[in-house]
């Protein structure tokens, strides 16, 4: 049995036997890690890391973003985006350039290679999603998505509430 399979069995045993009522945040984290590992395995033959996947996915819908905009959409710090962009440029996935009249901001554009990866990589992500929900009814998948979106909305409201409270403090 591979190390990865051992890890998965350990996680499943942990959740089913050791802490079946543990916090939802821990379960969500383990699900996300398992999905990331599954996708990373599929991306490896294309020399695309999971971090690069995140930026490519954004650029496939909004090409030409500034590095700051890309950082915000990816939810990472600007130095992370800078490092990833440099690596992706070396791989030929993107090019970074300043636009005329704006020498301050560096914009990120997909190259033809970066654009072509979409047709190859998106089906791999869809495959991981399909594998993830095997054994769940369509109704349960819809309910799960709705529930997770509600969780995100609840936490965003709480975050906004805390920010307002802190802003009102003397």
Protein backbone atom coordinates (compact mmCIF):
# COMPACT_ATOMS: atom_id res chain seq x y z
CA UNK A 1 0.00 0.00 0.00
CA UNK A 2 1.39 3.42 -0.91
CA UNK A 3 2.18 6.11 1.65
CA UNK A 4 -0.65 8.27 0.29
CA UNK A 5 -3.14 5.39 0.69
CA UNK A 6 -1.91 4.86 4.27
CA UNK A 7 -2.39 8.55 4.99
CA UNK A 8 -5.94 8.47 3.65
CA UNK A 9 -6.81 5.39 5.70
CA UNK A 10 -5.40 7.08 8.80
CA UNK A 11 -7.48 10.20 8.17
CA UNK A 12 -10.64 8.15 7.60
CA UNK A 13 -10.07 6.14 10.78
CA UNK A 14 -9.45 9.37 12.68
CA UNK A 15 -12.74 10.87 11.51
CA UNK A 16 -14.86 7.73 11.86
CA UNK A 17 -13.50 6.41 15.15
CA UNK A 18 -11.40 8.92 17.07
CA UNK A 19 -13.25 12.19 16.60
CA UNK A 20 -16.50 11.63 14.73
CA UNK A 21 -17.94 14.83 16.22
CA UNK A 22 -14.84 17.02 15.83
CA UNK A 23 -15.10 20.53 14.46
CA UNK A 24 -16.33 20.95 10.91
CA UNK A 25 -13.34 23.16 10.07
CA UNK A 26 -10.98 20.21 10.50
CA UNK A 27 -13.08 18.00 8.23
CA UNK A 28 -13.26 20.72 5.57
CA UNK A 29 -9.47 21.11 5.74
CA UNK A 30 -8.92 17.38 5.27
CA UNK A 31 -11.34 17.29 2.31
CA UNK A 32 -9.55 20.24 0.72
CA UNK A 33 -6.15 18.59 1.22
CA UNK A 34 -7.36 15.33 -0.33
CA UNK A 35 -8.79 17.16 -3.33
CA UNK A 36 -5.60 19.20 -3.77
CA UNK A 37 -3.46 16.05 -3.65
CA UNK A 38 -5.69 14.32 -6.21
CA UNK A 39 -5.51 17.29 -8.56
CA UNK A 40 -1.77 17.78 -8.04
CA UNK A 41 -1.14 14.18 -9.11
CA UNK A 42 -3.01 14.87 -12.33
CA UNK A 43 -1.25 18.20 -12.97
CA UNK A 44 2.29 16.84 -12.54
CA UNK A 45 2.65 15.47 -16.10
CA UNK A 46 1.98 19.01 -17.38
CA UNK A 47 4.60 20.57 -15.08
CA UNK A 48 1.87 22.59 -13.34
CA UNK A 49 1.91 22.92 -9.57
CA UNK A 50 -1.29 23.35 -7.59
CA UNK A 51 -0.29 26.96 -6.92
CA UNK A 52 0.16 27.61 -10.63
CA UNK A 53 -3.23 25.95 -11.27
CA UNK A 54 -4.86 28.52 -9.00
CA UNK A 55 -3.41 31.43 -10.98
CA UNK A 56 -4.08 29.83 -14.37
CA UNK A 57 -7.71 29.22 -13.44
CA UNK A 58 -8.12 32.91 -12.61
CA UNK A 59 -6.32 34.10 -15.75
CA UNK A 60 -8.43 31.86 -17.98
CA UNK A 61 -11.40 34.00 -16.97
CA UNK A 62 -9.65 37.37 -16.50
CA UNK A 63 -6.46 37.66 -18.50
CA UNK A 64 -4.28 40.75 -18.08
CA UNK A 65 -4.78 41.33 -14.37
CA UNK A 66 -2.24 43.21 -12.34
CA UNK A 67 -0.17 41.08 -9.98
CA UNK A 68 -2.00 42.77 -7.08
CA UNK A 69 -5.41 41.88 -8.54
CA UNK A 70 -4.23 38.33 -9.13
CA UNK A 71 -3.04 38.11 -5.52
CA UNK A 72 -6.39 39.33 -4.22
CA UNK A 73 -8.39 36.90 -6.34
CA UNK A 74 -6.14 33.98 -5.39
CA UNK A 75 -6.23 34.94 -1.72
CA UNK A 76 -2.46 35.02 -1.36
CA UNK A 77 0.14 37.64 -0.47
CA UNK A 78 1.76 39.63 -3.26
CA UNK A 79 5.24 38.10 -2.76
CA UNK A 80 3.69 34.66 -3.34
CA UNK A 81 2.13 35.86 -6.58
CA UNK A 82 5.41 37.50 -7.64
CA UNK A 83 7.35 34.24 -7.11
CA UNK A 84 4.72 32.13 -8.84
CA UNK A 85 4.50 34.55 -11.76
CA UNK A 86 8.27 34.47 -12.25
CA UNK A 87 8.22 30.65 -12.26
CA UNK A 88 5.22 30.52 -14.61
CA UNK A 89 6.97 32.95 -16.94
CA UNK A 90 10.02 30.69 -17.07
CA UNK A 91 7.71 27.75 -17.87
CA UNK A 92 6.18 29.77 -20.71
CA UNK A 93 2.65 29.88 -19.24
CA UNK A 94 2.46 33.67 -18.82
CA UNK A 95 4.19 36.89 -19.68
CA UNK A 96 4.37 39.92 -17.42
CA UNK A 97 4.41 43.38 -18.84
CA UNK A 98 3.62 46.98 -18.08
CA UNK A 99 0.92 48.69 -20.10
CA UNK A 100 1.52 51.96 -21.90
CA UNK A 101 0.82 54.89 -19.64
CA UNK A 102 1.09 52.79 -16.47
CA UNK A 103 4.64 51.95 -15.55
CA UNK A 104 3.69 51.24 -11.94
CA UNK A 105 1.66 48.05 -12.37
CA UNK A 106 2.84 44.77 -13.80
CA UNK A 107 0.10 42.94 -15.71
CA UNK A 108 -0.01 39.18 -16.19
CA UNK A 109 -1.06 37.72 -19.54
CA UNK A 110 -1.41 34.12 -20.62
CA UNK A 111 0.81 32.94 -23.45
CA UNK A 112 -0.58 30.64 -26.14
CA UNK A 113 0.80 27.73 -24.08
CA UNK A 114 -0.91 29.02 -20.93
CA UNK A 115 -4.19 29.37 -22.81
CA UNK A 116 -3.90 25.90 -24.33
CA UNK A 117 -3.50 24.29 -20.91
CA UNK A 118 -7.14 25.06 -20.11
CA UNK A 119 -8.42 22.35 -22.47
CA UNK A 120 -6.09 19.81 -20.88
CA UNK A 121 -6.30 20.75 -17.20
CA UNK A 122 -9.93 21.71 -16.60
CA UNK A 123 -11.11 18.14 -17.38
CA UNK A 124 -8.64 16.88 -14.77
CA UNK A 125 -10.17 19.15 -12.12
CA UNK A 126 -13.64 18.06 -13.19
CA UNK A 127 -12.52 14.45 -12.81
CA UNK A 128 -11.39 15.13 -9.23
CA UNK A 129 -14.73 16.78 -8.48
CA UNK A 130 -16.61 13.82 -9.93
CA UNK A 131 -14.51 11.37 -7.91
CA UNK A 132 -15.05 13.47 -4.78
CA UNK A 133 -18.82 13.09 -4.85
CA UNK A 134 -19.06 9.44 -5.88
CA UNK A 135 -21.71 7.73 -3.80
CA UNK A 136 -23.59 10.97 -3.11
CA UNK A 137 -26.96 11.58 -4.70
CA UNK A 138 -27.38 14.62 -6.94
CA UNK A 139 -29.66 16.07 -4.27
CA UNK A 140 -26.98 15.66 -1.59
CA UNK A 141 -24.35 17.28 -3.82
CA UNK A 142 -26.64 20.29 -4.34
CA UNK A 143 -27.30 20.43 -0.59
CA UNK A 144 -23.58 20.17 0.19
CA UNK A 145 -22.74 23.02 -2.20
CA UNK A 146 -25.52 25.16 -0.78
CA UNK A 147 -24.39 24.40 2.77
CA UNK A 148 -20.76 25.25 2.04
CA UNK A 149 -21.75 28.52 0.37
CA UNK A 150 -23.87 29.37 3.42
CA UNK A 151 -20.86 28.69 5.66
CA UNK A 152 -18.73 31.04 3.55
CA UNK A 153 -21.44 33.70 3.69
CA UNK A 154 -21.84 33.33 7.48
CA UNK A 155 -18.12 33.66 8.06
CA UNK A 156 -17.86 36.67 5.73
CA UNK A 157 -20.67 38.41 7.64
CA UNK A 158 -18.92 37.67 10.93
CA UNK A 159 -15.62 38.94 9.58
CA UNK A 160 -17.32 42.13 8.40
CA UNK A 161 -19.01 42.52 11.79
CA UNK A 162 -15.70 42.15 13.63
CA UNK A 163 -14.02 44.64 11.29
CA UNK A 164 -16.78 47.17 11.98
CA UNK A 165 -16.54 46.58 15.73
CA UNK A 166 -12.78 47.10 15.70
CA UNK A 167 -13.22 50.21 13.56
CA UNK A 168 -15.66 51.64 16.12
CA UNK A 169 -13.26 51.14 19.05
CA UNK A 170 -11.56 54.22 20.52
